[in-house]
N, C-alpha and C. Protein backbone atom coordinates (compact mmCIF):
# COMPACT_ATOMS: atom_id res chain seq x y z
N UNK A 1 111.78 89.27 61.38
CA UNK A 1 113.00 89.20 62.25
C UNK A 1 113.81 88.20 61.80
N UNK A 2 113.23 87.10 61.38
CA UNK A 2 113.96 85.94 60.78
C UNK A 2 114.91 86.40 59.49
N UNK A 3 114.04 87.07 58.64
CA UNK A 3 114.70 87.47 57.45
C UNK A 3 115.86 88.57 57.73
N UNK A 4 115.60 89.29 58.80
CA UNK A 4 116.66 90.17 59.07
C UNK A 4 117.82 89.47 59.46
N UNK A 5 117.68 88.43 60.28
CA UNK A 5 118.98 87.57 60.76
C UNK A 5 119.61 86.82 59.73
N UNK A 6 118.84 86.34 58.68
CA UNK A 6 119.43 85.74 57.44
C UNK A 6 120.29 86.71 56.76
N UNK A 7 119.78 88.00 56.46
CA UNK A 7 120.67 88.98 55.93
C UNK A 7 121.88 89.21 56.69
N UNK A 8 121.91 89.21 58.03
CA UNK A 8 123.07 89.56 58.80
C UNK A 8 124.29 88.43 58.71
N UNK A 9 123.72 87.25 58.42
CA UNK A 9 124.69 86.04 58.62
C UNK A 9 124.40 85.30 60.05
N UNK A 10 125.39 84.50 60.20
CA UNK A 10 125.08 83.81 61.55
C UNK A 10 125.48 84.50 62.83
N UNK A 11 126.24 85.45 62.78
CA UNK A 11 126.46 86.17 63.87
C UNK A 11 126.01 87.71 63.70
N UNK A 12 124.75 87.95 64.21
CA UNK A 12 124.16 89.27 64.04
C UNK A 12 124.82 90.27 64.94
N UNK A 13 124.92 91.46 64.61
CA UNK A 13 125.59 92.47 65.56
C UNK A 13 124.38 92.84 66.65
N UNK A 14 124.91 92.69 68.00
CA UNK A 14 123.90 92.68 69.07
C UNK A 14 123.47 94.20 69.20
N UNK A 15 124.06 95.16 68.54
CA UNK A 15 123.70 96.64 68.70
C UNK A 15 122.47 96.70 67.82
N UNK A 16 122.37 96.02 66.63
CA UNK A 16 121.11 96.22 65.74
C UNK A 16 119.91 95.45 66.40
N UNK A 17 120.12 94.39 67.10
CA UNK A 17 119.05 93.70 67.82
C UNK A 17 118.72 94.51 68.92
N UNK A 18 119.38 95.26 69.57
CA UNK A 18 118.90 96.16 70.64
C UNK A 18 118.05 97.21 69.98
N UNK A 19 118.48 97.71 68.91
CA UNK A 19 117.65 98.85 68.34
C UNK A 19 116.17 98.45 67.87
N UNK A 20 116.22 97.11 67.32
CA UNK A 20 114.95 96.51 66.86
C UNK A 20 114.12 96.18 67.96
N UNK A 21 114.53 95.81 69.22
CA UNK A 21 113.68 95.46 70.27
C UNK A 21 113.57 96.66 71.23
N UNK A 22 114.06 97.76 71.00
CA UNK A 22 113.90 98.90 71.91
C UNK A 22 112.43 99.37 72.15
N UNK A 23 112.18 99.57 73.59
CA UNK A 23 110.86 100.06 73.82
C UNK A 23 110.85 101.46 74.31
N UNK A 24 109.72 102.03 73.99
CA UNK A 24 109.64 103.43 74.51
C UNK A 24 109.29 103.69 75.86
N UNK A 25 109.94 104.51 76.64
CA UNK A 25 109.73 104.64 78.07
C UNK A 25 109.18 106.06 78.15
N UNK A 26 108.16 106.40 79.30
CA UNK A 26 107.62 107.60 79.59
C UNK A 26 107.81 107.60 81.15
N UNK A 27 108.54 108.54 81.62
CA UNK A 27 108.41 108.78 83.12
C UNK A 27 107.11 108.95 83.67
N UNK A 28 106.69 108.16 84.49
CA UNK A 28 105.40 108.36 85.06
C UNK A 28 105.30 108.83 86.69
N UNK A 29 106.52 108.58 87.29
CA UNK A 29 106.63 109.04 88.62
C UNK A 29 108.00 108.58 89.38
N UNK A 30 108.01 109.03 90.60
CA UNK A 30 109.18 108.87 91.42
C UNK A 30 108.82 108.20 92.65
N UNK A 31 109.47 107.27 93.25
CA UNK A 31 109.28 106.34 94.38
C UNK A 31 109.46 107.35 95.45
N UNK A 32 108.47 107.61 96.36
CA UNK A 32 108.55 108.51 97.61
C UNK A 32 108.58 107.73 98.83
N UNK A 33 108.24 106.39 98.79
CA UNK A 33 108.31 105.50 100.05
C UNK A 33 108.38 104.07 99.69
N UNK A 34 108.94 103.22 100.56
CA UNK A 34 108.91 101.84 100.48
C UNK A 34 108.65 101.11 101.66
N UNK A 35 107.45 100.48 101.65
CA UNK A 35 106.99 99.65 102.76
C UNK A 35 107.57 98.18 102.65
N UNK A 36 108.63 97.87 103.34
CA UNK A 36 109.27 96.60 103.22
C UNK A 36 108.44 95.39 103.42
N UNK A 37 107.74 95.41 104.67
CA UNK A 37 106.99 94.37 105.04
C UNK A 37 105.80 93.98 104.08
N UNK A 38 105.26 95.12 103.68
CA UNK A 38 104.09 94.86 102.67
C UNK A 38 104.54 94.77 101.12
N UNK A 39 105.87 95.09 100.93
CA UNK A 39 106.49 95.05 99.74
C UNK A 39 105.58 95.97 98.78
N UNK A 40 105.49 97.24 99.16
CA UNK A 40 104.58 98.26 98.44
C UNK A 40 105.44 99.45 98.19
N UNK A 41 105.38 99.96 97.09
CA UNK A 41 106.08 101.31 96.63
C UNK A 41 105.09 102.38 96.65
N UNK A 42 105.37 103.49 97.38
CA UNK A 42 104.68 104.78 97.49
C UNK A 42 105.31 105.54 96.25
N UNK A 43 104.39 106.04 95.07
CA UNK A 43 104.95 106.62 94.08
C UNK A 43 104.31 107.83 93.78
N UNK A 44 104.87 109.05 93.62
CA UNK A 44 104.25 110.09 93.36
C UNK A 44 104.27 110.27 91.73
N UNK A 45 103.11 110.44 91.17
CA UNK A 45 102.98 110.18 89.82
C UNK A 45 103.08 111.45 89.16
N UNK A 46 103.78 111.78 87.93
CA UNK A 46 103.82 112.94 87.16
C UNK A 46 103.20 112.68 85.73
N UNK A 47 102.51 111.41 85.60
CA UNK A 47 101.59 111.16 84.48
C UNK A 47 100.68 110.14 84.86
N UNK A 48 99.72 109.80 84.01
CA UNK A 48 98.69 108.97 84.35
C UNK A 48 99.13 107.54 84.45
N UNK A 49 98.75 106.56 85.35
CA UNK A 49 99.14 105.25 85.42
C UNK A 49 97.93 104.43 85.69
N UNK A 50 97.72 103.24 85.05
CA UNK A 50 96.71 102.31 85.25
C UNK A 50 97.01 100.82 85.63
N UNK A 51 96.28 100.23 86.13
CA UNK A 51 96.27 98.74 86.47
C UNK A 51 96.55 98.02 85.14
N UNK A 52 97.49 97.13 84.91
CA UNK A 52 97.48 96.64 83.71
C UNK A 52 98.82 96.99 83.02
N UNK A 53 99.21 98.21 83.30
CA UNK A 53 100.42 98.92 82.53
C UNK A 53 101.74 98.21 83.05
N UNK A 54 102.80 98.07 81.97
CA UNK A 54 103.74 97.73 82.34
C UNK A 54 104.91 98.81 82.65
N UNK A 55 105.66 98.70 83.78
CA UNK A 55 106.44 99.75 84.18
C UNK A 55 107.88 99.26 84.60
N UNK A 56 108.86 100.13 84.54
CA UNK A 56 110.18 99.79 84.84
C UNK A 56 110.62 100.75 85.93
N UNK A 57 111.37 100.06 87.12
CA UNK A 57 111.78 100.91 88.09
C UNK A 57 113.26 101.04 87.90
N UNK A 58 113.90 102.20 87.88
CA UNK A 58 115.22 102.52 87.52
C UNK A 58 115.86 103.25 88.73
N UNK A 59 117.04 102.89 89.22
CA UNK A 59 117.78 103.65 90.26
C UNK A 59 119.07 103.19 90.20
N UNK A 60 119.91 103.65 91.06
CA UNK A 60 121.35 103.69 91.33
C UNK A 60 121.62 102.03 91.34
N UNK A 61 120.70 101.32 92.17
CA UNK A 61 120.90 99.90 92.28
C UNK A 61 119.67 99.15 91.90
N UNK A 62 118.62 99.86 91.45
CA UNK A 62 117.43 99.21 90.95
C UNK A 62 117.17 99.22 89.54
N UNK A 63 116.81 97.95 88.93
CA UNK A 63 116.41 97.95 87.66
C UNK A 63 115.56 96.50 87.32
N UNK A 64 114.38 96.83 87.34
CA UNK A 64 113.36 95.68 86.87
C UNK A 64 112.24 96.23 86.53
N UNK A 65 111.36 95.26 85.62
CA UNK A 65 110.12 95.59 85.16
C UNK A 65 109.05 94.66 85.61
N UNK A 66 107.96 95.32 85.86
CA UNK A 66 106.78 94.63 86.10
C UNK A 66 105.37 95.04 85.72
N UNK A 67 104.30 94.33 85.65
CA UNK A 67 102.95 94.71 85.38
C UNK A 67 102.39 95.41 86.57
N UNK A 68 101.70 96.38 86.55
CA UNK A 68 101.00 96.91 87.69
C UNK A 68 99.68 95.91 87.89
N UNK A 69 99.81 95.10 89.10
CA UNK A 69 98.70 94.30 89.28
C UNK A 69 97.55 94.90 90.16
N UNK A 70 98.08 95.86 90.92
CA UNK A 70 97.13 96.44 91.96
C UNK A 70 97.71 97.85 92.35
N UNK A 71 96.82 98.82 92.62
CA UNK A 71 97.27 99.99 93.06
C UNK A 71 95.98 100.69 93.92
N UNK A 72 96.53 101.38 94.93
CA UNK A 72 95.67 102.02 95.87
C UNK A 72 96.04 103.39 96.02
N UNK A 73 95.05 104.12 96.36
CA UNK A 73 95.20 105.62 96.74
C UNK A 73 94.38 105.69 98.37
N UNK A 74 95.14 106.06 99.21
CA UNK A 74 94.64 106.07 100.71
C UNK A 74 94.12 104.79 101.04
N UNK A 75 94.54 103.73 100.69
CA UNK A 75 94.22 102.19 101.02
C UNK A 75 92.79 101.86 100.32
N UNK A 76 92.50 102.55 99.20
CA UNK A 76 91.46 102.29 98.49
C UNK A 76 91.86 101.77 97.08
N UNK A 77 91.52 100.59 96.45
CA UNK A 77 91.90 100.21 95.33
C UNK A 77 91.28 100.93 94.11
N UNK A 78 92.19 101.46 93.22
CA UNK A 78 91.68 102.20 92.16
C UNK A 78 92.28 101.52 90.87
N UNK A 79 91.50 101.71 89.67
CA UNK A 79 91.98 101.11 88.36
C UNK A 79 93.02 102.03 87.77
N UNK A 80 92.87 103.39 87.93
CA UNK A 80 93.74 104.33 87.24
C UNK A 80 94.00 105.63 88.12
N UNK A 81 95.12 106.26 88.09
CA UNK A 81 95.43 107.44 88.87
C UNK A 81 96.07 108.45 87.74
N UNK A 82 95.86 109.76 88.14
CA UNK A 82 96.34 110.81 87.37
C UNK A 82 97.51 111.46 87.86
N UNK A 83 98.16 112.44 86.95
CA UNK A 83 99.32 112.88 87.45
C UNK A 83 99.09 113.73 88.78
N UNK A 84 99.95 113.79 89.88
CA UNK A 84 99.94 114.49 90.89
C UNK A 84 99.55 113.64 92.14
N UNK A 85 98.92 112.44 91.81
CA UNK A 85 98.54 111.43 92.72
C UNK A 85 99.62 110.79 93.51
N UNK A 86 99.44 110.41 94.80
CA UNK A 86 100.41 109.54 95.38
C UNK A 86 99.65 108.25 95.53
N UNK A 87 100.17 107.22 94.96
CA UNK A 87 99.63 105.84 94.87
C UNK A 87 100.72 104.88 95.60
N UNK A 88 99.97 103.65 95.96
CA UNK A 88 100.61 102.55 96.46
C UNK A 88 100.65 101.51 95.50
N UNK A 89 101.69 100.76 95.12
CA UNK A 89 101.70 99.67 94.13
C UNK A 89 102.51 98.61 94.74
N UNK A 90 102.00 97.39 94.69
CA UNK A 90 102.78 96.24 95.25
C UNK A 90 103.84 95.99 94.17
N UNK A 91 105.05 95.67 94.65
CA UNK A 91 106.29 95.53 93.87
C UNK A 91 106.80 93.99 94.19
N UNK A 92 107.41 93.57 93.11
CA UNK A 92 108.05 92.33 93.06
C UNK A 92 109.56 92.19 93.61
N UNK A 93 110.10 93.52 93.77
CA UNK A 93 111.46 93.69 94.29
C UNK A 93 111.53 94.77 95.22
N UNK A 94 112.57 95.09 95.81
CA UNK A 94 112.85 96.23 96.78
C UNK A 94 113.08 97.41 95.81
N UNK A 95 112.52 98.53 96.22
CA UNK A 95 112.75 99.87 95.42
C UNK A 95 113.21 100.81 96.55
N UNK A 96 113.84 101.84 96.14
CA UNK A 96 114.48 102.80 96.95
C UNK A 96 113.81 104.25 96.66
N UNK A 97 113.83 105.07 97.81
CA UNK A 97 113.34 106.46 97.60
C UNK A 97 114.06 107.10 96.54
N UNK A 98 113.41 107.76 95.59
CA UNK A 98 114.21 108.46 94.50
C UNK A 98 114.22 107.55 93.21
N UNK A 99 113.91 106.43 93.10
CA UNK A 99 113.97 105.56 92.05
C UNK A 99 112.82 106.12 91.00
N UNK A 100 113.21 106.06 89.74
CA UNK A 100 112.30 106.45 88.63
C UNK A 100 111.45 105.50 88.24
N UNK A 101 110.27 105.78 87.95
CA UNK A 101 109.16 104.79 87.50
C UNK A 101 108.84 105.29 86.01
N UNK A 102 109.03 104.21 85.02
CA UNK A 102 108.74 104.42 83.61
C UNK A 102 107.69 103.54 83.13
N UNK A 103 106.68 104.13 82.27
CA UNK A 103 105.69 103.21 81.65
C UNK A 103 106.40 102.83 80.47
N UNK A 104 106.34 101.60 80.22
CA UNK A 104 107.17 100.87 79.07
C UNK A 104 106.04 100.35 77.97
N UNK A 105 106.28 100.90 76.79
CA UNK A 105 105.35 100.58 75.70
C UNK A 105 106.20 99.91 74.54
N UNK A 106 105.63 98.96 74.25
CA UNK A 106 106.48 98.08 73.10
C UNK A 106 105.96 98.70 71.65
């Protein structure tokens, strides 16, 4: 990366830097509920999701990333869940019904 910056000069083009740091995203589910007091998102999965995965929540007013620290199905902690499952995930910010959840891979 440093060599690349040296080739570009002192003012690198931000579009090039964005491309080099772009991460792949895979849609893994949609928020179906938000429990504000517990700060938990109910998510209907369309792909597999595991504890330790990094996800990004995106919506009209939502845009943040976090690591999945805990996940539950019917109030039972699980390490992973398959497509079609309804899971509860502790979130760091408010989410809204309809927000999309993407698994982020570097």
